[in-house]
Amino acid sequence: MKNIARKSAALLVAVGLITTGVIAAPAHSAATCATPSGVQTVTGKLSNGAAYVMKVPAKFGGTFFFWNHGFRPSFPYPGYTPPAGVEEITPYSNNRSADVTCQMLRAGFAIASFDRVTTGLHGWNTDAGVEMLKELIDLAKAKYKTTKHVVVYGSSGGVPVVNKFMEKYPNVADSAGLMAGLVNMNANIQSACNLFYLLSIFC
């Protein structure tokens, strides 16, 4: 557990440094960031049919980032349609995910993500997400043998996937990053149920 905590702390420092120049970049940077030439994009399906995307720059430095997005509504409603395929491959910041992707590729990082869809659910499947992440990492490392470091990170509902992944596969990733995480869904639901129960008594 100490090892996981140390890895997580190390990545949070790295993510902080990256986001200072990437996510917190000026609003006009999306228009000025030129994606480096020679980026290889690989798309495919995991064994359960979930889609994935990998992007590897020509000047790959050996560090591969694997992004886990949060929960998504699984059914359409007025004004919303569930995403089809990989919706985002890097942290989504003020609708500027393309800029974050560009900056990471320019820094020599390889990036990958998957759509976390199983049986119609978009992210409400933490245990399945853990196995999908492991499969994606295995595919990436088999294809890009110059990979030296693996980073798994996620936000919101993607955080439980990262946590459980590091517990189950502690020697697969070198670092883990948790961003605005929902770390215990069961406890949150129980707290909400308790609140509504109390309201039903006193209101």
N, C-alpha and C. Protein backbone atom coordinates (compact mmCIF):
# COMPACT_ATOMS: atom_id res chain seq x y z
N MET A 1 0.82 -1.19 0.00
CA MET A 1 0.00 0.00 0.00
C MET A 1 0.86 1.25 0.00
N LYS A 2 1.97 1.21 0.76
CA LYS A 2 2.88 2.36 0.78
C LYS A 2 3.45 2.61 -0.61
N ASN A 3 3.72 1.50 -1.32
CA ASN A 3 4.28 1.62 -2.66
C ASN A 3 3.30 2.31 -3.59
N ILE A 4 2.00 1.94 -3.48
CA ILE A 4 0.96 2.56 -4.30
C ILE A 4 0.86 4.04 -3.97
N ALA A 5 0.88 4.36 -2.67
CA ALA A 5 0.77 5.76 -2.27
C ALA A 5 1.95 6.56 -2.79
N ARG A 6 3.15 5.98 -2.75
CA ARG A 6 4.33 6.68 -3.22
C ARG A 6 4.25 6.92 -4.72
N LYS A 7 3.79 5.90 -5.45
CA LYS A 7 3.65 6.05 -6.90
C LYS A 7 2.61 7.12 -7.23
N SER A 8 1.50 7.10 -6.50
CA SER A 8 0.44 8.07 -6.75
C SER A 8 0.92 9.48 -6.47
N ALA A 9 1.65 9.65 -5.36
CA ALA A 9 2.15 10.98 -5.01
C ALA A 9 3.12 11.48 -6.05
N ALA A 10 3.98 10.58 -6.55
CA ALA A 10 4.95 10.99 -7.56
C ALA A 10 4.25 11.43 -8.83
N LEU A 11 3.21 10.71 -9.22
CA LEU A 11 2.51 11.10 -10.44
C LEU A 11 1.76 12.40 -10.27
N LEU A 12 1.17 12.61 -9.10
CA LEU A 12 0.43 13.85 -8.88
C LEU A 12 1.34 15.06 -9.05
N VAL A 13 2.59 14.93 -8.61
CA VAL A 13 3.55 16.01 -8.82
C VAL A 13 3.78 16.20 -10.31
N ALA A 14 3.96 15.07 -11.03
CA ALA A 14 4.18 15.15 -12.48
C ALA A 14 2.98 15.73 -13.20
N VAL A 15 1.78 15.27 -12.81
CA VAL A 15 0.57 15.79 -13.44
C VAL A 15 0.43 17.28 -13.17
N GLY A 16 0.80 17.69 -11.95
CA GLY A 16 0.75 19.11 -11.62
C GLY A 16 1.64 19.92 -12.52
N LEU A 17 2.84 19.40 -12.78
CA LEU A 17 3.76 20.11 -13.66
C LEU A 17 3.23 20.15 -15.09
N ILE A 18 2.68 19.01 -15.53
CA ILE A 18 2.15 18.95 -16.89
C ILE A 18 0.97 19.88 -17.04
N THR A 19 0.04 19.83 -16.10
CA THR A 19 -1.17 20.62 -16.22
C THR A 19 -0.91 22.10 -16.12
N THR A 20 0.20 22.47 -15.44
CA THR A 20 0.54 23.89 -15.38
C THR A 20 0.76 24.43 -16.78
N GLY A 21 1.41 23.62 -17.62
CA GLY A 21 1.68 24.08 -18.98
C GLY A 21 0.70 23.58 -20.01
N VAL A 22 -0.15 22.62 -19.62
CA VAL A 22 -1.06 22.01 -20.59
C VAL A 22 -2.49 22.43 -20.33
N ILE A 23 -3.08 21.94 -19.22
CA ILE A 23 -4.48 22.20 -18.95
C ILE A 23 -4.71 23.67 -18.62
N ALA A 24 -3.74 24.29 -17.96
CA ALA A 24 -3.90 25.68 -17.59
C ALA A 24 -3.30 26.62 -18.62
N ALA A 25 -3.05 26.13 -19.82
CA ALA A 25 -2.48 26.96 -20.86
C ALA A 25 -3.46 28.03 -21.29
N PRO A 26 -2.98 29.14 -21.87
CA PRO A 26 -3.88 30.19 -22.32
C PRO A 26 -4.93 29.67 -23.29
N ALA A 27 -6.09 30.32 -23.31
CA ALA A 27 -7.21 29.86 -24.13
C ALA A 27 -6.86 29.80 -25.61
N HIS A 28 -5.95 30.66 -26.05
CA HIS A 28 -5.64 30.69 -27.48
C HIS A 28 -4.70 29.56 -27.89
N SER A 29 -4.16 28.78 -26.92
CA SER A 29 -3.15 27.78 -27.26
C SER A 29 -3.71 26.66 -28.12
N ALA A 30 -5.04 26.41 -28.03
CA ALA A 30 -5.63 25.35 -28.85
C ALA A 30 -5.43 25.64 -30.32
N ALA A 31 -5.43 26.92 -30.67
CA ALA A 31 -5.27 27.30 -32.08
C ALA A 31 -3.81 27.30 -32.48
N THR A 32 -2.90 27.43 -31.50
CA THR A 32 -1.49 27.56 -31.84
C THR A 32 -0.71 26.26 -31.65
N CYS A 33 -1.30 25.27 -30.97
CA CYS A 33 -0.59 24.01 -30.76
C CYS A 33 -0.64 23.20 -32.05
N ALA A 34 0.52 22.97 -32.62
CA ALA A 34 0.60 22.19 -33.85
C ALA A 34 0.98 20.75 -33.50
N THR A 35 0.10 19.83 -33.80
CA THR A 35 0.39 18.42 -33.53
C THR A 35 1.65 18.01 -34.29
N PRO A 36 2.60 17.39 -33.62
CA PRO A 36 3.84 17.00 -34.31
C PRO A 36 3.59 16.02 -35.44
N SER A 37 4.42 16.08 -36.44
CA SER A 37 4.27 15.16 -37.56
C SER A 37 4.72 13.76 -37.14
N GLY A 38 4.21 12.78 -37.82
CA GLY A 38 4.62 11.41 -37.56
C GLY A 38 3.91 10.72 -36.42
N VAL A 39 2.80 11.29 -35.95
CA VAL A 39 2.04 10.64 -34.88
C VAL A 39 1.31 9.43 -35.45
N GLN A 40 1.50 8.29 -34.84
CA GLN A 40 0.81 7.07 -35.28
C GLN A 40 -0.44 6.88 -34.43
N THR A 41 -1.59 6.75 -35.11
CA THR A 41 -2.85 6.53 -34.43
C THR A 41 -3.31 5.11 -34.68
N VAL A 42 -3.59 4.39 -33.60
CA VAL A 42 -4.04 3.00 -33.69
C VAL A 42 -5.41 2.90 -33.04
N THR A 43 -6.38 2.34 -33.75
CA THR A 43 -7.70 2.14 -33.20
C THR A 43 -8.04 0.65 -33.26
N GLY A 44 -8.94 0.23 -32.40
CA GLY A 44 -9.33 -1.16 -32.41
C GLY A 44 -10.39 -1.44 -31.36
N LYS A 45 -10.63 -2.72 -31.14
CA LYS A 45 -11.62 -3.16 -30.17
C LYS A 45 -10.96 -4.10 -29.17
N LEU A 46 -11.32 -3.95 -27.91
CA LEU A 46 -10.89 -4.89 -26.89
C LEU A 46 -11.70 -6.17 -27.03
N SER A 47 -11.35 -7.19 -26.27
CA SER A 47 -12.01 -8.49 -26.42
C SER A 47 -13.50 -8.44 -26.14
N ASN A 48 -13.96 -7.45 -25.35
CA ASN A 48 -15.39 -7.35 -25.06
C ASN A 48 -16.11 -6.40 -26.01
N GLY A 49 -15.39 -5.88 -27.02
CA GLY A 49 -16.00 -5.01 -28.01
C GLY A 49 -15.83 -3.53 -27.74
N ALA A 50 -15.28 -3.15 -26.59
CA ALA A 50 -15.06 -1.74 -26.28
C ALA A 50 -14.00 -1.17 -27.21
N ALA A 51 -14.20 0.06 -27.67
CA ALA A 51 -13.26 0.70 -28.58
C ALA A 51 -12.08 1.30 -27.82
N TYR A 52 -10.94 1.35 -28.49
CA TYR A 52 -9.78 2.02 -27.91
C TYR A 52 -9.04 2.82 -28.97
N VAL A 53 -8.26 3.80 -28.51
CA VAL A 53 -7.43 4.62 -29.38
C VAL A 53 -6.06 4.78 -28.72
N MET A 54 -5.01 4.65 -29.52
CA MET A 54 -3.65 4.95 -29.07
C MET A 54 -3.05 5.98 -30.02
N LYS A 55 -2.30 6.92 -29.47
CA LYS A 55 -1.56 7.88 -30.29
C LYS A 55 -0.13 7.91 -29.79
N VAL A 56 0.81 7.66 -30.70
CA VAL A 56 2.22 7.58 -30.33
C VAL A 56 3.02 8.51 -31.25
N PRO A 57 3.73 9.49 -30.65
CA PRO A 57 4.50 10.42 -31.47
C PRO A 57 5.76 9.76 -32.04
N ALA A 58 6.27 10.33 -33.11
CA ALA A 58 7.49 9.79 -33.72
C ALA A 58 8.65 9.84 -32.72
N LYS A 59 8.68 10.88 -31.91
CA LYS A 59 9.74 11.03 -30.89
C LYS A 59 9.20 10.55 -29.54
N PHE A 60 8.78 9.30 -29.52
CA PHE A 60 8.24 8.70 -28.29
C PHE A 60 9.34 8.54 -27.26
N GLY A 61 9.13 9.14 -26.09
CA GLY A 61 10.16 9.10 -25.05
C GLY A 61 10.10 7.89 -24.14
N GLY A 62 9.08 7.04 -24.31
CA GLY A 62 9.01 5.82 -23.52
C GLY A 62 7.95 5.83 -22.43
N THR A 63 7.28 6.98 -22.20
CA THR A 63 6.23 7.05 -21.18
C THR A 63 4.87 7.02 -21.84
N PHE A 64 4.05 6.06 -21.43
CA PHE A 64 2.73 5.84 -22.04
C PHE A 64 1.66 6.16 -21.00
N PHE A 65 0.77 7.13 -21.31
CA PHE A 65 -0.32 7.53 -20.43
C PHE A 65 -1.62 6.84 -20.85
N PHE A 66 -2.34 6.27 -19.88
CA PHE A 66 -3.61 5.60 -20.14
C PHE A 66 -4.72 6.30 -19.36
N TRP A 67 -5.62 6.95 -20.09
CA TRP A 67 -6.65 7.79 -19.49
C TRP A 67 -7.95 7.03 -19.25
N ASN A 68 -8.58 7.29 -18.09
CA ASN A 68 -9.86 6.68 -17.73
C ASN A 68 -10.87 7.79 -17.45
N HIS A 69 -11.86 7.93 -18.31
CA HIS A 69 -12.86 8.99 -18.10
C HIS A 69 -13.89 8.55 -17.06
N GLY A 70 -14.71 9.48 -16.64
CA GLY A 70 -15.70 9.21 -15.59
C GLY A 70 -16.99 8.63 -16.13
N PHE A 71 -18.01 8.69 -15.26
CA PHE A 71 -19.32 8.15 -15.63
C PHE A 71 -19.96 8.98 -16.75
N ARG A 72 -20.77 8.30 -17.56
CA ARG A 72 -21.58 8.97 -18.57
C ARG A 72 -23.00 8.42 -18.49
N PRO A 73 -24.01 9.25 -18.72
CA PRO A 73 -25.38 8.69 -18.82
C PRO A 73 -25.40 7.62 -19.91
N SER A 74 -26.04 6.51 -19.63
CA SER A 74 -26.02 5.39 -20.58
C SER A 74 -27.19 5.39 -21.55
N PHE A 75 -28.19 6.25 -21.31
CA PHE A 75 -29.36 6.28 -22.17
C PHE A 75 -29.64 7.70 -22.64
N PRO A 76 -30.13 7.85 -23.86
CA PRO A 76 -30.38 9.20 -24.38
C PRO A 76 -31.53 9.89 -23.67
N TYR A 77 -31.46 11.19 -23.63
CA TYR A 77 -32.56 12.02 -23.14
C TYR A 77 -32.50 13.32 -23.92
N PRO A 78 -33.52 14.17 -23.86
CA PRO A 78 -33.53 15.39 -24.68
C PRO A 78 -32.26 16.22 -24.50
N GLY A 79 -31.56 16.42 -25.59
CA GLY A 79 -30.33 17.20 -25.56
C GLY A 79 -29.08 16.38 -25.32
N TYR A 80 -29.22 15.07 -25.13
CA TYR A 80 -28.04 14.24 -24.87
C TYR A 80 -28.14 12.91 -25.60
N THR A 81 -27.04 12.53 -26.22
CA THR A 81 -26.93 11.21 -26.86
C THR A 81 -25.67 10.55 -26.32
N PRO A 82 -25.74 9.33 -25.81
CA PRO A 82 -24.54 8.65 -25.30
C PRO A 82 -23.44 8.63 -26.37
N PRO A 83 -22.20 8.85 -25.96
CA PRO A 83 -21.10 8.86 -26.94
C PRO A 83 -20.92 7.50 -27.58
N ALA A 84 -20.50 7.51 -28.81
CA ALA A 84 -20.19 6.27 -29.54
C ALA A 84 -18.69 6.24 -29.79
N GLY A 85 -18.03 5.21 -29.30
CA GLY A 85 -16.58 5.14 -29.47
C GLY A 85 -15.85 5.93 -28.40
N VAL A 86 -14.56 6.14 -28.61
CA VAL A 86 -13.73 6.83 -27.63
C VAL A 86 -14.03 8.32 -27.67
N GLU A 87 -14.55 8.82 -26.57
CA GLU A 87 -14.97 10.22 -26.49
C GLU A 87 -13.81 11.16 -26.22
N GLU A 88 -12.88 10.74 -25.37
CA GLU A 88 -11.73 11.57 -25.02
C GLU A 88 -10.54 10.68 -24.74
N ILE A 89 -9.35 11.18 -25.04
CA ILE A 89 -8.14 10.38 -24.90
C ILE A 89 -7.18 10.98 -23.88
N THR A 90 -7.46 12.21 -23.45
CA THR A 90 -6.67 12.91 -22.43
C THR A 90 -7.63 13.69 -21.54
N PRO A 91 -7.14 14.26 -20.44
CA PRO A 91 -8.03 15.03 -19.55
C PRO A 91 -8.82 16.09 -20.30
N TYR A 92 -10.07 16.16 -19.99
CA TYR A 92 -11.00 17.07 -20.66
C TYR A 92 -11.07 18.36 -19.87
N SER A 93 -10.57 19.44 -20.42
CA SER A 93 -10.51 20.71 -19.71
C SER A 93 -11.15 21.82 -20.52
N ASN A 94 -12.32 22.26 -20.08
CA ASN A 94 -13.00 23.38 -20.74
C ASN A 94 -13.12 23.18 -22.25
N ASN A 95 -13.53 21.97 -22.63
CA ASN A 95 -13.72 21.63 -24.05
C ASN A 95 -12.44 21.77 -24.86
N ARG A 96 -11.28 21.59 -24.21
CA ARG A 96 -10.01 21.75 -24.91
C ARG A 96 -9.18 20.48 -24.83
N SER A 97 -9.84 19.33 -24.87
CA SER A 97 -9.11 18.06 -24.81
C SER A 97 -8.13 17.93 -25.97
N ALA A 98 -8.49 18.47 -27.13
CA ALA A 98 -7.60 18.37 -28.29
C ALA A 98 -6.29 19.09 -28.01
N ASP A 99 -6.35 20.19 -27.27
CA ASP A 99 -5.14 20.94 -26.94
C ASP A 99 -4.26 20.14 -25.99
N VAL A 100 -4.88 19.51 -24.98
CA VAL A 100 -4.12 18.69 -24.04
C VAL A 100 -3.45 17.54 -24.79
N THR A 101 -4.19 16.90 -25.67
CA THR A 101 -3.64 15.82 -26.48
C THR A 101 -2.44 16.29 -27.28
N CYS A 102 -2.58 17.43 -27.93
CA CYS A 102 -1.51 18.00 -28.75
C CYS A 102 -0.26 18.25 -27.91
N GLN A 103 -0.44 18.87 -26.76
CA GLN A 103 0.71 19.21 -25.92
C GLN A 103 1.42 17.96 -25.40
N MET A 104 0.66 16.94 -25.04
CA MET A 104 1.28 15.72 -24.54
C MET A 104 2.07 15.01 -25.64
N LEU A 105 1.51 14.99 -26.84
CA LEU A 105 2.22 14.37 -27.95
C LEU A 105 3.49 15.15 -28.28
N ARG A 106 3.44 16.46 -28.21
CA ARG A 106 4.61 17.29 -28.47
C ARG A 106 5.69 17.05 -27.42
N ALA A 107 5.27 16.69 -26.21
CA ALA A 107 6.22 16.41 -25.13
C ALA A 107 6.84 15.02 -25.24
N GLY A 108 6.39 14.24 -26.23
CA GLY A 108 6.96 12.92 -26.44
C GLY A 108 6.25 11.79 -25.72
N PHE A 109 5.07 12.10 -25.14
CA PHE A 109 4.30 11.07 -24.45
C PHE A 109 3.39 10.35 -25.43
N ALA A 110 3.24 9.05 -25.24
CA ALA A 110 2.21 8.29 -25.95
C ALA A 110 0.96 8.30 -25.08
N ILE A 111 -0.20 8.29 -25.71
CA ILE A 111 -1.46 8.37 -24.96
C ILE A 111 -2.45 7.34 -25.50
N ALA A 112 -3.32 6.89 -24.61
CA ALA A 112 -4.32 5.90 -25.01
C ALA A 112 -5.52 6.00 -24.08
N SER A 113 -6.65 5.55 -24.59
CA SER A 113 -7.86 5.50 -23.78
C SER A 113 -8.84 4.52 -24.42
N PHE A 114 -9.90 4.20 -23.68
CA PHE A 114 -10.93 3.30 -24.18
C PHE A 114 -12.28 3.84 -23.76
N ASP A 115 -13.37 3.36 -24.38
CA ASP A 115 -14.67 3.99 -24.14
C ASP A 115 -15.42 3.45 -22.93
N ARG A 116 -14.88 2.45 -22.26
CA ARG A 116 -15.44 1.91 -21.01
C ARG A 116 -16.88 1.41 -21.16
N VAL A 117 -17.26 1.02 -22.35
CA VAL A 117 -18.63 0.56 -22.58
C VAL A 117 -18.72 -0.95 -22.44
N THR A 118 -19.61 -1.43 -21.57
CA THR A 118 -19.95 -2.84 -21.50
C THR A 118 -21.45 -2.96 -21.29
N THR A 119 -22.06 -3.79 -22.09
CA THR A 119 -23.52 -4.03 -22.03
C THR A 119 -24.31 -2.74 -21.91
N GLY A 120 -23.90 -1.75 -22.70
CA GLY A 120 -24.64 -0.49 -22.74
C GLY A 120 -24.30 0.49 -21.65
N LEU A 121 -23.48 0.13 -20.69
CA LEU A 121 -23.11 1.03 -19.61
C LEU A 121 -21.88 1.83 -19.99
N HIS A 122 -21.90 3.14 -19.70
CA HIS A 122 -20.79 4.02 -20.04
C HIS A 122 -20.04 4.44 -18.78
N GLY A 123 -19.23 3.54 -18.24
CA GLY A 123 -18.42 3.89 -17.09
C GLY A 123 -18.96 3.42 -15.76
N TRP A 124 -20.18 2.88 -15.73
CA TRP A 124 -20.77 2.37 -14.48
C TRP A 124 -20.38 0.91 -14.29
N ASN A 125 -19.13 0.61 -14.52
CA ASN A 125 -18.67 -0.77 -14.58
C ASN A 125 -17.21 -0.85 -14.16
N THR A 126 -16.96 -0.48 -12.91
CA THR A 126 -15.59 -0.36 -12.43
C THR A 126 -14.79 -1.64 -12.60
N ASP A 127 -15.34 -2.77 -12.18
CA ASP A 127 -14.59 -4.03 -12.26
C ASP A 127 -14.24 -4.37 -13.70
N ALA A 128 -15.20 -4.18 -14.60
CA ALA A 128 -14.92 -4.43 -16.02
C ALA A 128 -13.89 -3.45 -16.54
N GLY A 129 -13.94 -2.20 -16.05
CA GLY A 129 -12.98 -1.18 -16.46
C GLY A 129 -11.55 -1.56 -16.11
N VAL A 130 -11.38 -2.19 -14.96
CA VAL A 130 -10.04 -2.63 -14.53
C VAL A 130 -9.46 -3.62 -15.54
N GLU A 131 -10.27 -4.58 -15.96
CA GLU A 131 -9.78 -5.59 -16.90
C GLU A 131 -9.58 -5.00 -18.29
N MET A 132 -10.43 -4.05 -18.68
CA MET A 132 -10.25 -3.39 -19.98
C MET A 132 -8.95 -2.60 -20.00
N LEU A 133 -8.67 -1.91 -18.89
CA LEU A 133 -7.43 -1.13 -18.79
C LEU A 133 -6.21 -2.05 -18.88
N LYS A 134 -6.27 -3.18 -18.18
CA LYS A 134 -5.15 -4.13 -18.24
C LYS A 134 -4.94 -4.65 -19.65
N GLU A 135 -6.01 -4.97 -20.35
CA GLU A 135 -5.90 -5.46 -21.72
C GLU A 135 -5.31 -4.40 -22.64
N LEU A 136 -5.75 -3.15 -22.46
CA LEU A 136 -5.24 -2.06 -23.30
C LEU A 136 -3.74 -1.86 -23.07
N ILE A 137 -3.31 -1.89 -21.83
CA ILE A 137 -1.88 -1.74 -21.53
C ILE A 137 -1.08 -2.87 -22.15
N ASP A 138 -1.58 -4.08 -22.04
CA ASP A 138 -0.88 -5.23 -22.63
C ASP A 138 -0.75 -5.07 -24.14
N LEU A 139 -1.82 -4.61 -24.78
CA LEU A 139 -1.78 -4.40 -26.23
C LEU A 139 -0.75 -3.33 -26.60
N ALA A 140 -0.74 -2.24 -25.84
CA ALA A 140 0.17 -1.14 -26.13
C ALA A 140 1.63 -1.56 -25.94
N LYS A 141 1.90 -2.26 -24.87
CA LYS A 141 3.28 -2.66 -24.60
C LYS A 141 3.76 -3.71 -25.61
N ALA A 142 2.84 -4.54 -26.09
CA ALA A 142 3.22 -5.54 -27.10
C ALA A 142 3.53 -4.86 -28.43
N LYS A 143 2.80 -3.81 -28.75
CA LYS A 143 3.00 -3.12 -30.02
C LYS A 143 4.18 -2.15 -29.97
N TYR A 144 4.31 -1.45 -28.84
CA TYR A 144 5.37 -0.45 -28.71
C TYR A 144 6.34 -0.91 -27.63
N LYS A 145 7.31 -1.69 -28.05
CA LYS A 145 8.21 -2.34 -27.12
C LYS A 145 9.21 -1.38 -26.50
N THR A 146 9.26 -0.13 -26.98
CA THR A 146 10.14 0.87 -26.38
C THR A 146 9.48 1.55 -25.17
N THR A 147 8.29 1.08 -24.80
CA THR A 147 7.62 1.63 -23.62
C THR A 147 8.43 1.31 -22.37
N LYS A 148 8.77 2.36 -21.62
CA LYS A 148 9.57 2.20 -20.40
C LYS A 148 8.74 2.43 -19.14
N HIS A 149 7.79 3.35 -19.23
CA HIS A 149 6.99 3.71 -18.06
C HIS A 149 5.52 3.73 -18.43
N VAL A 150 4.69 3.18 -17.57
CA VAL A 150 3.24 3.16 -17.75
C VAL A 150 2.60 4.03 -16.67
N VAL A 151 1.75 4.96 -17.11
CA VAL A 151 1.02 5.84 -16.20
C VAL A 151 -0.47 5.61 -16.40
N VAL A 152 -1.19 5.26 -15.34
CA VAL A 152 -2.64 5.14 -15.41
C VAL A 152 -3.23 6.29 -14.60
N TYR A 153 -4.19 6.98 -15.19
CA TYR A 153 -4.77 8.11 -14.49
C TYR A 153 -6.21 8.29 -14.95
N GLY A 154 -7.00 9.00 -14.13
CA GLY A 154 -8.39 9.18 -14.46
C GLY A 154 -9.03 10.23 -13.58
N SER A 155 -10.26 10.58 -13.92
CA SER A 155 -10.98 11.58 -13.15
C SER A 155 -12.38 11.07 -12.83
N SER A 156 -12.96 11.64 -11.78
CA SER A 156 -14.33 11.34 -11.40
C SER A 156 -14.53 9.83 -11.27
N GLY A 157 -15.48 9.28 -12.02
CA GLY A 157 -15.75 7.85 -11.94
C GLY A 157 -14.66 6.98 -12.51
N GLY A 158 -13.64 7.59 -13.13
CA GLY A 158 -12.50 6.81 -13.60
C GLY A 158 -11.51 6.52 -12.48
N VAL A 159 -11.61 7.27 -11.39
CA VAL A 159 -10.68 7.09 -10.27
C VAL A 159 -10.83 5.72 -9.61
N PRO A 160 -12.06 5.22 -9.36
CA PRO A 160 -12.17 3.87 -8.80
C PRO A 160 -11.51 2.80 -9.67
N VAL A 161 -11.54 2.99 -10.98
CA VAL A 161 -10.88 2.04 -11.88
C VAL A 161 -9.38 2.05 -11.62
N VAL A 162 -8.81 3.25 -11.53
CA VAL A 162 -7.37 3.37 -11.28
C VAL A 162 -7.00 2.77 -9.93
N ASN A 163 -7.78 3.09 -8.90
CA ASN A 163 -7.50 2.55 -7.57
C ASN A 163 -7.51 1.02 -7.56
N LYS A 164 -8.57 0.44 -8.10
CA LYS A 164 -8.69 -1.02 -8.09
C LYS A 164 -7.65 -1.67 -8.98
N PHE A 165 -7.29 -0.98 -10.08
CA PHE A 165 -6.26 -1.51 -10.97
C PHE A 165 -4.92 -1.59 -10.23
N MET A 166 -4.55 -0.53 -9.51
CA MET A 166 -3.28 -0.52 -8.80
C MET A 166 -3.25 -1.56 -7.68
N GLU A 167 -4.39 -1.82 -7.08
CA GLU A 167 -4.45 -2.85 -6.04
C GLU A 167 -4.33 -4.25 -6.63
N LYS A 168 -4.97 -4.47 -7.77
CA LYS A 168 -4.96 -5.81 -8.37
C LYS A 168 -3.70 -6.08 -9.17
N TYR A 169 -3.17 -5.04 -9.84
CA TYR A 169 -1.97 -5.20 -10.68
C TYR A 169 -0.91 -4.20 -10.25
N PRO A 170 -0.35 -4.34 -9.06
CA PRO A 170 0.58 -3.33 -8.53
C PRO A 170 1.89 -3.19 -9.29
N ASN A 171 2.24 -4.18 -10.10
CA ASN A 171 3.52 -4.13 -10.81
C ASN A 171 3.39 -3.81 -12.28
N VAL A 172 2.18 -3.46 -12.73
CA VAL A 172 1.98 -3.17 -14.15
C VAL A 172 2.25 -1.70 -14.46
N ALA A 173 1.72 -0.81 -13.63
CA ALA A 173 1.90 0.63 -13.86
C ALA A 173 2.99 1.18 -12.95
N ASP A 174 3.73 2.17 -13.46
CA ASP A 174 4.77 2.80 -12.66
C ASP A 174 4.23 3.95 -11.81
N SER A 175 3.15 4.56 -12.28
CA SER A 175 2.56 5.68 -11.56
C SER A 175 1.06 5.71 -11.77
N ALA A 176 0.36 6.34 -10.82
CA ALA A 176 -1.10 6.49 -10.92
C ALA A 176 -1.47 7.91 -10.56
N GLY A 177 -2.45 8.45 -11.28
CA GLY A 177 -2.91 9.81 -11.00
C GLY A 177 -4.41 9.84 -10.81
N LEU A 178 -4.86 10.51 -9.75
CA LEU A 178 -6.28 10.61 -9.42
C LEU A 178 -6.68 12.08 -9.50
N MET A 179 -7.63 12.38 -10.37
CA MET A 179 -8.03 13.77 -10.59
C MET A 179 -9.52 13.93 -10.30
N ALA A 180 -9.86 14.75 -9.29
CA ALA A 180 -11.26 15.02 -8.94
C ALA A 180 -12.02 13.72 -8.81
N GLY A 181 -11.52 12.87 -7.95
CA GLY A 181 -12.01 11.50 -7.92
C GLY A 181 -13.25 11.25 -7.10
N LEU A 182 -14.03 10.30 -7.57
CA LEU A 182 -15.11 9.70 -6.80
C LEU A 182 -14.55 8.36 -6.35
N VAL A 183 -14.13 8.29 -5.07
CA VAL A 183 -13.34 7.15 -4.65
C VAL A 183 -14.14 6.02 -4.03
N ASN A 184 -15.36 6.29 -3.57
CA ASN A 184 -16.14 5.22 -2.96
C ASN A 184 -17.62 5.41 -3.28
N MET A 185 -18.03 4.86 -4.41
CA MET A 185 -19.40 5.04 -4.87
C MET A 185 -20.41 4.45 -3.89
N ASN A 186 -20.10 3.28 -3.34
CA ASN A 186 -21.03 2.64 -2.41
C ASN A 186 -21.28 3.50 -1.18
N ALA A 187 -20.21 4.09 -0.64
CA ALA A 187 -20.36 4.93 0.55
C ALA A 187 -21.16 6.18 0.23
N ASN A 188 -20.94 6.75 -0.96
CA ASN A 188 -21.69 7.95 -1.34
C ASN A 188 -23.18 7.65 -1.50
N ILE A 189 -23.49 6.52 -2.12
CA ILE A 189 -24.89 6.14 -2.29
C ILE A 189 -25.54 5.88 -0.93
N GLN A 190 -24.79 5.19 -0.04
CA GLN A 190 -25.33 4.92 1.29
C GLN A 190 -25.59 6.21 2.05
N SER A 191 -24.67 7.17 1.93
CA SER A 191 -24.86 8.46 2.59
C SER A 191 -26.10 9.17 2.07
N ALA A 192 -26.30 9.11 0.75
CA ALA A 192 -27.47 9.75 0.16
C ALA A 192 -28.75 9.07 0.63
N CYS A 193 -28.73 7.74 0.71
CA CYS A 193 -29.91 7.01 1.19
C CYS A 193 -30.22 7.36 2.64
N ASN A 194 -29.16 7.46 3.45
CA ASN A 194 -29.37 7.83 4.86
C ASN A 194 -29.98 9.23 4.97
N LEU A 195 -29.50 10.15 4.14
CA LEU A 195 -30.01 11.52 4.16
C LEU A 195 -31.50 11.54 3.81
N PHE A 196 -31.86 10.84 2.74
CA PHE A 196 -33.26 10.83 2.33
C PHE A 196 -34.16 10.15 3.38
N TYR A 197 -33.61 9.13 4.04
CA TYR A 197 -34.37 8.47 5.09
C TYR A 197 -34.65 9.45 6.24
N LEU A 198 -33.62 10.19 6.63
CA LEU A 198 -33.81 11.17 7.71
C LEU A 198 -34.79 12.26 7.30
N LEU A 199 -34.72 12.69 6.07
CA LEU A 199 -35.64 13.71 5.58
C LEU A 199 -37.07 13.18 5.61
N SER A 200 -37.24 11.89 5.27
CA SER A 200 -38.59 11.32 5.26
C SER A 200 -39.18 11.25 6.66
N ILE A 201 -38.33 11.19 7.68
CA ILE A 201 -38.81 11.13 9.06
C ILE A 201 -39.17 12.52 9.60
N PHE A 202 -38.29 13.48 9.33
CA PHE A 202 -38.44 14.78 9.98
C PHE A 202 -39.14 15.82 9.11
N CYS A 203 -39.38 15.51 7.86
CA CYS A 203 -40.02 16.52 6.98
C CYS A 203 -41.43 16.10 6.62
